[in-house]
Every structure is written in C-alpha cells, then in structure tokens.
Amino acid sequence: MINDIKEIIFSEEQIKRRVKELAEQINLDYAGKSPLLIGILKGCFIFFADLVRSIDLKCEIRFILASSYGFSSISTGNVKVGTELDFEIAGRDVILIEDILDSGITLSALRKLLLRNEPESLRICVLLDKPDRRQIPVDADYLGFVCPDEFMVGYGLDYAEGYRNLPYIASLKPEVYS
C-alpha cells in the first residue's frame, strides 16, 4: 500500500490540529444550540468521529450513504443515495459533514435533498476542498484544507475501497488509478 503513495499532503498532526480548530469554530457558532450532524458515508467516517469528539455541544448524530464515484477515480455524475431520510430535520440546525468537496455533484444533490425538508439552517463542513475540480458551485462553511488536484487517499478517503486506514492524507500515484 505504501508503495502506491506519491506524496503525503497532510500529516496526521496537521489533520488533528485542523479538526480541533473546526470543532472550536462549530462550538462558537452553535453555542446554546443542539445541531444535527449528518455524516456522508463512507469517506467521512474517520473525520466525522474525530470532529464530533471535539464538539462540546449537545448534538444528534446521523449518517447518510451517498456516492458519485463507485470504483472510479472520476465522478460518474450520478449521485446514489443509500436511503431516504429516516429522521426529521425540519426546523433543525443541520451540519452536513463530508470528507472532500471535489466536483460538487454529491454535496449539491444532498444539499437540495436536505433543504426540501426545511431545516432551520444548513451548513456544510468538509475536510478537503479541491476547487480545481468543481463542476457545480458549492461552498463549504467549515473547511479543513484546500488540496491540490490529485487523487487523495487516507484518513477515510479511498480508492476502490482501499487506503482508508492511512493516518494521513496522501496523493496516490496516477498509475495506480489510471
């Protein structure tokens, strides 16, 4: 697995520090509130777990399964949502949490789905933003890092369901996914 890595982009320490900073900002912004945190599976699971452990608020945790990649390194353009919402979000302060904002296709589709259910507020928190790949305009309210236009793996991010367990975020050698 390590031989497939081109370069470590964000170290384990950098990630820990930034996740803590994101949680501190969320704590300030939602002081006195009880936000609903929705993690987009599967890629966000490590980021989500670390983030929510640093959030010092009463909050509800839910997940939604969505993808537009499958086993490819390029978005298919079709967002597959695992289930319809089986929880109430109307009138709630919602934070949608994702590992990476890339094409914007998945987050745009999920944002529309959630807004149809009339939350009080909806904010987006992403660990990584890859603005060079954006096809649909979507902005994150909480952003960990801007990353280069390379295929990222580690810290929950995968290629064909592998590499999620790396403790850092790295670029994958192109010959691995081409």
N, C-alpha and C. Protein backbone atom coordinates (compact mmCIF):
# COMPACT_ATOMS: atom_id res chain seq x y z
N MET A 1 0.83 -1.20 0.00
CA MET A 1 0.00 0.00 0.00
C MET A 1 0.87 1.26 0.00
N ILE A 2 1.91 1.29 0.82
CA ILE A 2 2.76 2.47 0.93
C ILE A 2 3.48 2.77 -0.39
N ASN A 3 3.72 1.74 -1.19
CA ASN A 3 4.39 1.93 -2.48
C ASN A 3 3.49 2.63 -3.49
N ASP A 4 2.20 2.69 -3.22
CA ASP A 4 1.24 3.36 -4.11
C ASP A 4 1.15 4.86 -3.84
N ILE A 5 1.75 5.31 -2.74
CA ILE A 5 1.66 6.71 -2.33
C ILE A 5 2.69 7.56 -3.08
N LYS A 6 2.21 8.64 -3.66
CA LYS A 6 3.10 9.58 -4.35
C LYS A 6 3.73 10.53 -3.34
N GLU A 7 2.87 11.13 -2.47
CA GLU A 7 3.36 12.13 -1.52
C GLU A 7 2.35 12.31 -0.39
N ILE A 8 2.85 12.47 0.82
CA ILE A 8 1.97 12.82 1.94
C ILE A 8 1.68 14.32 1.83
N ILE A 9 0.40 14.65 1.76
CA ILE A 9 -0.02 16.04 1.59
C ILE A 9 -0.32 16.69 2.94
N PHE A 10 -1.04 15.97 3.82
CA PHE A 10 -1.35 16.48 5.15
C PHE A 10 -1.01 15.39 6.16
N SER A 11 -0.15 15.74 7.11
CA SER A 11 0.30 14.77 8.12
C SER A 11 -0.78 14.51 9.15
N GLU A 12 -0.59 13.46 9.92
CA GLU A 12 -1.52 13.12 10.98
C GLU A 12 -1.64 14.28 11.97
N GLU A 13 -0.53 14.90 12.30
CA GLU A 13 -0.55 16.04 13.24
C GLU A 13 -1.28 17.25 12.66
N GLN A 14 -1.04 17.57 11.40
CA GLN A 14 -1.75 18.69 10.76
C GLN A 14 -3.26 18.46 10.79
N ILE A 15 -3.67 17.24 10.50
CA ILE A 15 -5.09 16.91 10.47
C ILE A 15 -5.69 17.06 11.86
N LYS A 16 -5.04 16.49 12.87
CA LYS A 16 -5.56 16.59 14.25
C LYS A 16 -5.75 18.04 14.66
N ARG A 17 -4.75 18.86 14.37
CA ARG A 17 -4.80 20.28 14.75
C ARG A 17 -5.96 20.98 14.04
N ARG A 18 -6.12 20.73 12.74
CA ARG A 18 -7.17 21.42 11.98
C ARG A 18 -8.57 20.95 12.38
N VAL A 19 -8.73 19.66 12.64
CA VAL A 19 -10.03 19.14 13.08
C VAL A 19 -10.43 19.79 14.40
N LYS A 20 -9.49 19.94 15.29
CA LYS A 20 -9.75 20.60 16.59
C LYS A 20 -10.19 22.05 16.36
N GLU A 21 -9.54 22.75 15.43
CA GLU A 21 -9.91 24.13 15.13
C GLU A 21 -11.31 24.22 14.54
N LEU A 22 -11.66 23.28 13.66
CA LEU A 22 -13.01 23.27 13.08
C LEU A 22 -14.06 23.06 14.18
N ALA A 23 -13.78 22.13 15.09
CA ALA A 23 -14.71 21.86 16.19
C ALA A 23 -14.88 23.09 17.07
N GLU A 24 -13.79 23.80 17.34
CA GLU A 24 -13.87 25.02 18.16
C GLU A 24 -14.75 26.07 17.49
N GLN A 25 -14.65 26.21 16.17
CA GLN A 25 -15.49 27.17 15.46
C GLN A 25 -16.96 26.76 15.51
N ILE A 26 -17.23 25.47 15.33
CA ILE A 26 -18.60 24.97 15.41
C ILE A 26 -19.15 25.19 16.82
N ASN A 27 -18.34 24.94 17.85
CA ASN A 27 -18.76 25.19 19.23
C ASN A 27 -19.17 26.65 19.43
N LEU A 28 -18.41 27.58 18.87
CA LEU A 28 -18.74 29.01 18.97
C LEU A 28 -20.02 29.34 18.21
N ASP A 29 -20.10 28.87 16.97
CA ASP A 29 -21.24 29.20 16.11
C ASP A 29 -22.56 28.62 16.60
N TYR A 30 -22.50 27.49 17.30
CA TYR A 30 -23.72 26.81 17.74
C TYR A 30 -23.88 26.82 19.25
N ALA A 31 -23.20 27.72 19.92
CA ALA A 31 -23.32 27.82 21.38
C ALA A 31 -24.79 27.96 21.77
N GLY A 32 -25.23 27.14 22.71
CA GLY A 32 -26.61 27.17 23.17
C GLY A 32 -27.58 26.44 22.26
N LYS A 33 -27.10 25.84 21.19
CA LYS A 33 -27.96 25.10 20.26
C LYS A 33 -27.60 23.62 20.29
N SER A 34 -28.44 22.83 19.67
CA SER A 34 -28.22 21.38 19.58
C SER A 34 -28.28 20.97 18.11
N PRO A 35 -27.18 21.13 17.39
CA PRO A 35 -27.21 20.82 15.96
C PRO A 35 -27.34 19.33 15.67
N LEU A 36 -27.87 19.06 14.50
CA LEU A 36 -27.94 17.71 13.94
C LEU A 36 -26.75 17.57 13.00
N LEU A 37 -25.86 16.63 13.30
CA LEU A 37 -24.67 16.41 12.49
C LEU A 37 -24.92 15.20 11.60
N ILE A 38 -24.82 15.41 10.28
CA ILE A 38 -25.07 14.32 9.34
C ILE A 38 -23.77 14.04 8.58
N GLY A 39 -23.25 12.85 8.78
CA GLY A 39 -22.04 12.43 8.08
C GLY A 39 -22.38 11.70 6.80
N ILE A 40 -21.64 12.01 5.75
CA ILE A 40 -21.85 11.36 4.46
C ILE A 40 -20.88 10.18 4.38
N LEU A 41 -21.44 9.00 4.40
CA LEU A 41 -20.63 7.77 4.35
C LEU A 41 -20.26 7.45 2.92
N LYS A 42 -19.14 6.83 2.74
CA LYS A 42 -18.31 6.20 3.73
C LYS A 42 -17.10 7.05 4.08
N GLY A 43 -16.69 7.90 3.19
CA GLY A 43 -15.41 8.59 3.33
C GLY A 43 -15.24 9.45 4.56
N CYS A 44 -16.31 9.98 5.11
CA CYS A 44 -16.17 10.92 6.22
C CYS A 44 -15.99 10.24 7.57
N PHE A 45 -16.08 8.92 7.66
CA PHE A 45 -16.23 8.29 8.97
C PHE A 45 -15.10 8.60 9.95
N ILE A 46 -13.87 8.67 9.52
CA ILE A 46 -12.77 8.97 10.45
C ILE A 46 -12.80 10.46 10.82
N PHE A 47 -12.93 11.32 9.83
CA PHE A 47 -13.03 12.76 10.07
C PHE A 47 -14.22 13.06 10.97
N PHE A 48 -15.35 12.47 10.67
CA PHE A 48 -16.58 12.68 11.44
C PHE A 48 -16.36 12.29 12.90
N ALA A 49 -15.80 11.11 13.14
CA ALA A 49 -15.58 10.63 14.51
C ALA A 49 -14.66 11.57 15.27
N ASP A 50 -13.57 11.98 14.66
CA ASP A 50 -12.64 12.89 15.34
C ASP A 50 -13.27 14.25 15.59
N LEU A 51 -14.02 14.75 14.61
CA LEU A 51 -14.67 16.06 14.74
C LEU A 51 -15.70 16.05 15.86
N VAL A 52 -16.61 15.07 15.87
CA VAL A 52 -17.68 15.09 16.87
C VAL A 52 -17.15 14.87 18.28
N ARG A 53 -16.04 14.17 18.43
CA ARG A 53 -15.44 14.01 19.76
C ARG A 53 -14.88 15.32 20.29
N SER A 54 -14.62 16.27 19.39
CA SER A 54 -14.11 17.58 19.81
C SER A 54 -15.20 18.64 19.90
N ILE A 55 -16.42 18.30 19.50
CA ILE A 55 -17.53 19.25 19.60
C ILE A 55 -18.13 19.12 21.00
N ASP A 56 -18.20 20.25 21.69
CA ASP A 56 -18.69 20.28 23.07
C ASP A 56 -20.10 20.86 23.12
N LEU A 57 -21.00 20.23 22.40
CA LEU A 57 -22.40 20.64 22.34
C LEU A 57 -23.28 19.40 22.43
N LYS A 58 -24.50 19.60 22.90
CA LYS A 58 -25.47 18.52 22.80
C LYS A 58 -25.85 18.45 21.32
N CYS A 59 -25.64 17.30 20.71
CA CYS A 59 -25.94 17.17 19.29
C CYS A 59 -26.45 15.77 18.99
N GLU A 60 -27.14 15.68 17.88
CA GLU A 60 -27.61 14.39 17.39
C GLU A 60 -26.74 14.01 16.21
N ILE A 61 -26.44 12.72 16.08
CA ILE A 61 -25.56 12.23 15.03
C ILE A 61 -26.34 11.28 14.14
N ARG A 62 -26.27 11.53 12.84
CA ARG A 62 -26.91 10.67 11.85
C ARG A 62 -25.95 10.51 10.67
N PHE A 63 -26.27 9.54 9.83
CA PHE A 63 -25.45 9.29 8.64
C PHE A 63 -26.34 9.10 7.44
N ILE A 64 -25.77 9.41 6.28
CA ILE A 64 -26.43 9.15 5.01
C ILE A 64 -25.36 8.59 4.08
N LEU A 65 -25.72 7.59 3.31
CA LEU A 65 -24.80 6.96 2.38
C LEU A 65 -25.01 7.57 1.01
N ALA A 66 -23.96 8.14 0.44
CA ALA A 66 -24.07 8.76 -0.88
C ALA A 66 -22.74 8.69 -1.60
N SER A 67 -22.79 8.56 -2.92
CA SER A 67 -21.57 8.50 -3.71
C SER A 67 -21.87 8.83 -5.15
N SER A 68 -20.88 9.41 -5.81
CA SER A 68 -20.97 9.59 -7.26
C SER A 68 -19.72 9.03 -7.94
N TYR A 69 -18.94 8.23 -7.19
CA TYR A 69 -17.68 7.70 -7.72
C TYR A 69 -17.69 6.20 -7.98
N GLY A 70 -18.29 5.42 -7.09
CA GLY A 70 -18.21 3.97 -7.23
C GLY A 70 -16.76 3.53 -7.12
N PHE A 71 -16.30 2.74 -8.05
CA PHE A 71 -14.91 2.25 -8.02
C PHE A 71 -14.03 3.02 -9.01
N SER A 72 -14.44 4.19 -9.39
CA SER A 72 -13.70 5.01 -10.35
C SER A 72 -12.99 6.14 -9.63
N SER A 73 -12.04 6.75 -10.31
CA SER A 73 -11.35 7.92 -9.75
C SER A 73 -12.01 9.22 -10.21
N ILE A 74 -13.04 9.11 -11.04
CA ILE A 74 -13.75 10.27 -11.58
C ILE A 74 -15.24 10.12 -11.28
N SER A 75 -15.87 11.22 -10.89
CA SER A 75 -17.30 11.18 -10.60
C SER A 75 -18.09 10.74 -11.82
N THR A 76 -19.07 9.88 -11.59
CA THR A 76 -19.95 9.43 -12.68
C THR A 76 -20.97 10.50 -13.03
N GLY A 77 -21.17 11.45 -12.13
CA GLY A 77 -22.19 12.48 -12.34
C GLY A 77 -23.54 12.08 -11.79
N ASN A 78 -23.70 10.82 -11.44
CA ASN A 78 -24.95 10.31 -10.86
C ASN A 78 -24.74 10.05 -9.38
N VAL A 79 -25.51 10.73 -8.56
CA VAL A 79 -25.38 10.56 -7.12
C VAL A 79 -26.30 9.44 -6.67
N LYS A 80 -25.72 8.49 -5.99
CA LYS A 80 -26.50 7.38 -5.43
C LYS A 80 -26.63 7.63 -3.94
N VAL A 81 -27.87 7.78 -3.47
CA VAL A 81 -28.14 7.97 -2.05
C VAL A 81 -28.65 6.64 -1.52
N GLY A 82 -28.02 6.13 -0.46
CA GLY A 82 -28.34 4.82 0.08
C GLY A 82 -29.76 4.68 0.59
N THR A 83 -30.27 5.69 1.26
CA THR A 83 -31.64 5.63 1.80
C THR A 83 -32.21 7.04 1.78
N GLU A 84 -33.50 7.10 1.80
CA GLU A 84 -34.15 8.40 2.01
C GLU A 84 -33.96 8.76 3.47
N LEU A 85 -34.19 10.00 3.81
CA LEU A 85 -34.02 10.42 5.20
C LEU A 85 -35.02 9.68 6.08
N ASP A 86 -34.52 9.01 7.08
CA ASP A 86 -35.41 8.31 8.02
C ASP A 86 -35.39 9.02 9.38
N PHE A 87 -35.10 10.32 9.33
CA PHE A 87 -35.08 11.14 10.53
C PHE A 87 -35.56 12.53 10.16
N GLU A 88 -36.07 13.23 11.15
CA GLU A 88 -36.68 14.55 10.95
C GLU A 88 -35.61 15.65 11.01
N ILE A 89 -35.62 16.54 10.02
CA ILE A 89 -34.70 17.68 10.07
C ILE A 89 -35.42 19.03 10.02
N ALA A 90 -36.72 19.02 9.82
CA ALA A 90 -37.47 20.28 9.74
C ALA A 90 -37.26 21.08 11.02
N GLY A 91 -36.91 22.36 10.84
CA GLY A 91 -36.72 23.25 11.97
C GLY A 91 -35.42 23.03 12.75
N ARG A 92 -34.55 22.17 12.28
CA ARG A 92 -33.30 21.85 12.98
C ARG A 92 -32.13 22.58 12.36
N ASP A 93 -31.11 22.84 13.16
CA ASP A 93 -29.84 23.35 12.67
C ASP A 93 -29.02 22.13 12.25
N VAL A 94 -28.71 22.04 10.96
CA VAL A 94 -28.06 20.86 10.40
C VAL A 94 -26.66 21.22 9.90
N ILE A 95 -25.71 20.34 10.20
CA ILE A 95 -24.37 20.46 9.64
C ILE A 95 -24.11 19.17 8.87
N LEU A 96 -23.91 19.29 7.58
CA LEU A 96 -23.61 18.17 6.70
C LEU A 96 -22.09 18.04 6.63
N ILE A 97 -21.57 16.85 6.96
CA ILE A 97 -20.13 16.66 7.09
C ILE A 97 -19.64 15.67 6.05
N GLU A 98 -18.65 16.09 5.26
CA GLU A 98 -18.13 15.31 4.14
C GLU A 98 -16.60 15.30 4.17
N ASP A 99 -16.01 14.26 3.60
CA ASP A 99 -14.56 14.17 3.56
C ASP A 99 -13.95 15.14 2.55
N ILE A 100 -14.50 15.17 1.34
CA ILE A 100 -13.89 16.00 0.30
C ILE A 100 -14.95 16.64 -0.60
N LEU A 101 -14.76 17.89 -0.89
CA LEU A 101 -15.58 18.63 -1.85
C LEU A 101 -14.76 18.70 -3.13
N ASP A 102 -15.21 17.97 -4.12
CA ASP A 102 -14.47 17.81 -5.36
C ASP A 102 -15.29 18.41 -6.50
N SER A 103 -16.04 17.61 -7.20
CA SER A 103 -16.86 18.09 -8.32
C SER A 103 -18.03 18.95 -7.84
N GLY A 104 -18.47 18.70 -6.60
CA GLY A 104 -19.64 19.40 -6.07
C GLY A 104 -20.94 18.66 -6.36
N ILE A 105 -20.88 17.59 -7.13
CA ILE A 105 -22.08 16.86 -7.54
C ILE A 105 -22.80 16.25 -6.35
N THR A 106 -22.07 15.51 -5.52
CA THR A 106 -22.70 14.84 -4.38
C THR A 106 -23.23 15.85 -3.37
N LEU A 107 -22.41 16.82 -2.99
CA LEU A 107 -22.87 17.79 -1.98
C LEU A 107 -24.02 18.64 -2.49
N SER A 108 -24.03 18.97 -3.75
CA SER A 108 -25.13 19.75 -4.31
C SER A 108 -26.44 18.95 -4.23
N ALA A 109 -26.38 17.68 -4.61
CA ALA A 109 -27.58 16.83 -4.58
C ALA A 109 -28.08 16.65 -3.14
N LEU A 110 -27.17 16.40 -2.21
CA LEU A 110 -27.58 16.22 -0.82
C LEU A 110 -28.10 17.52 -0.21
N ARG A 111 -27.49 18.62 -0.57
CA ARG A 111 -27.95 19.93 -0.07
C ARG A 111 -29.40 20.17 -0.50
N LYS A 112 -29.71 19.89 -1.77
CA LYS A 112 -31.08 20.04 -2.28
C LYS A 112 -32.04 19.13 -1.54
N LEU A 113 -31.64 17.89 -1.33
CA LEU A 113 -32.48 16.92 -0.61
C LEU A 113 -32.79 17.41 0.80
N LEU A 114 -31.77 17.88 1.50
CA LEU A 114 -31.96 18.34 2.87
C LEU A 114 -32.80 19.62 2.92
N LEU A 115 -32.56 20.55 2.01
CA LEU A 115 -33.32 21.80 2.02
C LEU A 115 -34.80 21.57 1.74
N ARG A 116 -35.14 20.54 0.98
CA ARG A 116 -36.56 20.21 0.74
C ARG A 116 -37.26 19.82 2.04
N ASN A 117 -36.48 19.40 3.03
CA ASN A 117 -37.04 19.00 4.32
C ASN A 117 -37.04 20.13 5.33
N GLU A 118 -36.78 21.35 4.89
CA GLU A 118 -36.92 22.60 5.63
C GLU A 118 -36.20 22.66 6.98
N PRO A 119 -34.88 22.50 6.97
CA PRO A 119 -34.14 22.71 8.22
C PRO A 119 -34.14 24.20 8.58
N GLU A 120 -33.92 24.48 9.85
CA GLU A 120 -33.78 25.88 10.29
C GLU A 120 -32.57 26.50 9.60
N SER A 121 -31.48 25.75 9.58
CA SER A 121 -30.26 26.18 8.91
C SER A 121 -29.53 24.95 8.41
N LEU A 122 -28.70 25.15 7.38
CA LEU A 122 -27.91 24.07 6.83
C LEU A 122 -26.53 24.60 6.49
N ARG A 123 -25.52 24.01 7.11
CA ARG A 123 -24.14 24.37 6.82
C ARG A 123 -23.40 23.11 6.40
N ILE A 124 -22.33 23.32 5.65
CA ILE A 124 -21.52 22.22 5.14
C ILE A 124 -20.12 22.31 5.73
N CYS A 125 -19.63 21.18 6.22
CA CYS A 125 -18.28 21.07 6.77
C CYS A 125 -17.54 20.01 5.98
N VAL A 126 -16.42 20.37 5.38
CA VAL A 126 -15.61 19.40 4.63
C VAL A 126 -14.17 19.45 5.12
N LEU A 127 -13.54 18.30 5.10
CA LEU A 127 -12.13 18.25 5.46
C LEU A 127 -11.26 18.80 4.35
N LEU A 128 -11.54 18.39 3.11
CA LEU A 128 -10.74 18.81 1.96
C LEU A 128 -11.59 19.49 0.91
N ASP A 129 -11.02 20.49 0.28
CA ASP A 129 -11.66 21.15 -0.86
C ASP A 129 -10.69 21.09 -2.02
N LYS A 130 -11.19 20.63 -3.16
CA LYS A 130 -10.40 20.55 -4.39
C LYS A 130 -11.09 21.45 -5.42
N PRO A 131 -10.93 22.77 -5.32
CA PRO A 131 -11.70 23.70 -6.15
C PRO A 131 -11.44 23.56 -7.65
N ASP A 132 -10.28 23.08 -8.04
CA ASP A 132 -9.98 22.95 -9.47
C ASP A 132 -10.86 21.94 -10.17
N ARG A 133 -11.53 21.06 -9.42
CA ARG A 133 -12.36 20.01 -9.99
C ARG A 133 -13.85 20.35 -9.99
N ARG A 134 -14.22 21.52 -9.49
CA ARG A 134 -15.62 21.86 -9.28
C ARG A 134 -16.38 21.92 -10.60
N GLN A 135 -17.49 21.19 -10.66
CA GLN A 135 -18.41 21.22 -11.80
C GLN A 135 -19.69 21.95 -11.44
N ILE A 136 -20.07 21.88 -10.17
CA ILE A 136 -21.26 22.55 -9.67
C ILE A 136 -20.82 23.44 -8.52
N PRO A 137 -21.21 24.72 -8.52
CA PRO A 137 -20.76 25.60 -7.44
C PRO A 137 -21.35 25.22 -6.08
N VAL A 138 -20.48 24.86 -5.17
CA VAL A 138 -20.84 24.53 -3.79
C VAL A 138 -19.71 25.08 -2.93
N ASP A 139 -20.07 25.74 -1.84
CA ASP A 139 -19.07 26.25 -0.91
C ASP A 139 -19.25 25.59 0.45
N ALA A 140 -18.14 25.38 1.12
CA ALA A 140 -18.17 24.84 2.47
C ALA A 140 -18.18 25.99 3.47
N ASP A 141 -18.97 25.84 4.51
CA ASP A 141 -19.00 26.83 5.59
C ASP A 141 -17.84 26.61 6.55
N TYR A 142 -17.43 25.35 6.67
CA TYR A 142 -16.30 24.96 7.51
C TYR A 142 -15.37 24.14 6.63
N LEU A 143 -14.13 24.57 6.52
CA LEU A 143 -13.19 23.94 5.60
C LEU A 143 -11.88 23.60 6.29
N GLY A 144 -11.47 22.35 6.16
CA GLY A 144 -10.21 21.92 6.74
C GLY A 144 -9.02 22.41 5.93
N PHE A 145 -8.88 21.91 4.71
CA PHE A 145 -7.73 22.24 3.86
C PHE A 145 -8.16 22.34 2.41
N VAL A 146 -7.49 23.19 1.65
CA VAL A 146 -7.58 23.18 0.20
C VAL A 146 -6.47 22.25 -0.26
N CYS A 147 -6.80 21.34 -1.16
CA CYS A 147 -5.80 20.37 -1.61
C CYS A 147 -5.57 20.48 -3.11
N PRO A 148 -4.43 19.97 -3.54
CA PRO A 148 -4.12 20.02 -4.98
C PRO A 148 -5.03 19.08 -5.77
N ASP A 149 -5.05 19.28 -7.06
CA ASP A 149 -5.87 18.47 -7.96
C ASP A 149 -5.16 17.14 -8.24
N GLU A 150 -5.10 16.34 -7.20
CA GLU A 150 -4.53 15.00 -7.29
C GLU A 150 -5.49 14.06 -6.58
N PHE A 151 -5.35 12.76 -6.83
CA PHE A 151 -6.25 11.81 -6.19
C PHE A 151 -5.78 11.56 -4.77
N MET A 152 -6.62 11.91 -3.79
CA MET A 152 -6.27 11.83 -2.38
C MET A 152 -6.80 10.54 -1.74
N VAL A 153 -5.99 9.98 -0.86
CA VAL A 153 -6.39 8.80 -0.08
C VAL A 153 -5.92 8.97 1.35
N GLY A 154 -6.48 8.16 2.22
CA GLY A 154 -6.09 8.16 3.63
C GLY A 154 -7.08 8.93 4.49
N TYR A 155 -7.04 8.66 5.79
CA TYR A 155 -7.91 9.33 6.76
C TYR A 155 -9.38 9.21 6.34
N GLY A 156 -9.75 8.04 5.83
CA GLY A 156 -11.11 7.78 5.41
C GLY A 156 -11.33 7.85 3.91
N LEU A 157 -10.51 8.61 3.21
CA LEU A 157 -10.66 8.72 1.75
C LEU A 157 -10.09 7.46 1.10
N ASP A 158 -10.77 7.01 0.04
CA ASP A 158 -10.37 5.74 -0.55
C ASP A 158 -10.16 5.82 -2.04
N TYR A 159 -9.56 4.77 -2.56
CA TYR A 159 -9.62 4.44 -3.97
C TYR A 159 -10.05 2.99 -4.01
N ALA A 160 -11.19 2.70 -4.64
CA ALA A 160 -11.74 1.35 -4.75
C ALA A 160 -11.80 0.66 -3.39
N GLU A 161 -12.24 1.41 -2.39
CA GLU A 161 -12.44 0.95 -1.02
C GLU A 161 -11.15 0.67 -0.24
N GLY A 162 -10.00 0.98 -0.80
CA GLY A 162 -8.73 0.78 -0.10
C GLY A 162 -8.13 2.09 0.36
N TYR A 163 -7.12 2.02 1.18
CA TYR A 163 -6.31 3.15 1.67
C TYR A 163 -6.99 3.98 2.75
N ARG A 164 -8.22 3.67 3.13
CA ARG A 164 -8.94 4.47 4.12
C ARG A 164 -8.22 4.52 5.46
N ASN A 165 -7.48 3.47 5.78
CA ASN A 165 -6.87 3.33 7.10
C ASN A 165 -5.56 4.09 7.27
N LEU A 166 -5.08 4.77 6.27
CA LEU A 166 -3.86 5.56 6.43
C LEU A 166 -4.13 6.70 7.41
N PRO A 167 -3.21 7.00 8.33
CA PRO A 167 -3.45 8.05 9.32
C PRO A 167 -3.22 9.47 8.80
N TYR A 168 -2.80 9.59 7.58
CA TYR A 168 -2.52 10.88 6.94
C TYR A 168 -3.26 10.92 5.61
N ILE A 169 -3.18 12.08 4.94
CA ILE A 169 -3.78 12.21 3.61
C ILE A 169 -2.64 12.34 2.61
N ALA A 170 -2.73 11.51 1.58
CA ALA A 170 -1.65 11.46 0.59
C ALA A 170 -2.23 11.45 -0.81
N SER A 171 -1.38 11.82 -1.76
CA SER A 171 -1.76 11.66 -3.17
C SER A 171 -1.34 10.28 -3.61
N LEU A 172 -2.17 9.71 -4.45
CA LEU A 172 -1.94 8.37 -4.97
C LEU A 172 -1.20 8.48 -6.30
N LYS A 173 -0.28 7.58 -6.54
CA LYS A 173 0.44 7.58 -7.83
C LYS A 173 -0.58 7.35 -8.95
N PRO A 174 -0.53 8.15 -10.01
CA PRO A 174 -1.51 8.03 -11.10
C PRO A 174 -1.58 6.63 -11.71
N GLU A 175 -0.48 5.92 -11.77
CA GLU A 175 -0.51 4.59 -12.39
C GLU A 175 -1.35 3.60 -11.59
N VAL A 176 -1.64 3.91 -10.32
CA VAL A 176 -2.46 3.05 -9.50
C VAL A 176 -3.93 3.13 -9.90
N TYR A 177 -4.41 4.32 -10.25
CA TYR A 177 -5.82 4.51 -10.55
C TYR A 177 -6.14 4.78 -12.01
N SER A 178 -5.14 4.84 -12.88
CA SER A 178 -5.42 5.13 -14.29
C SER A 178 -5.78 3.87 -15.05
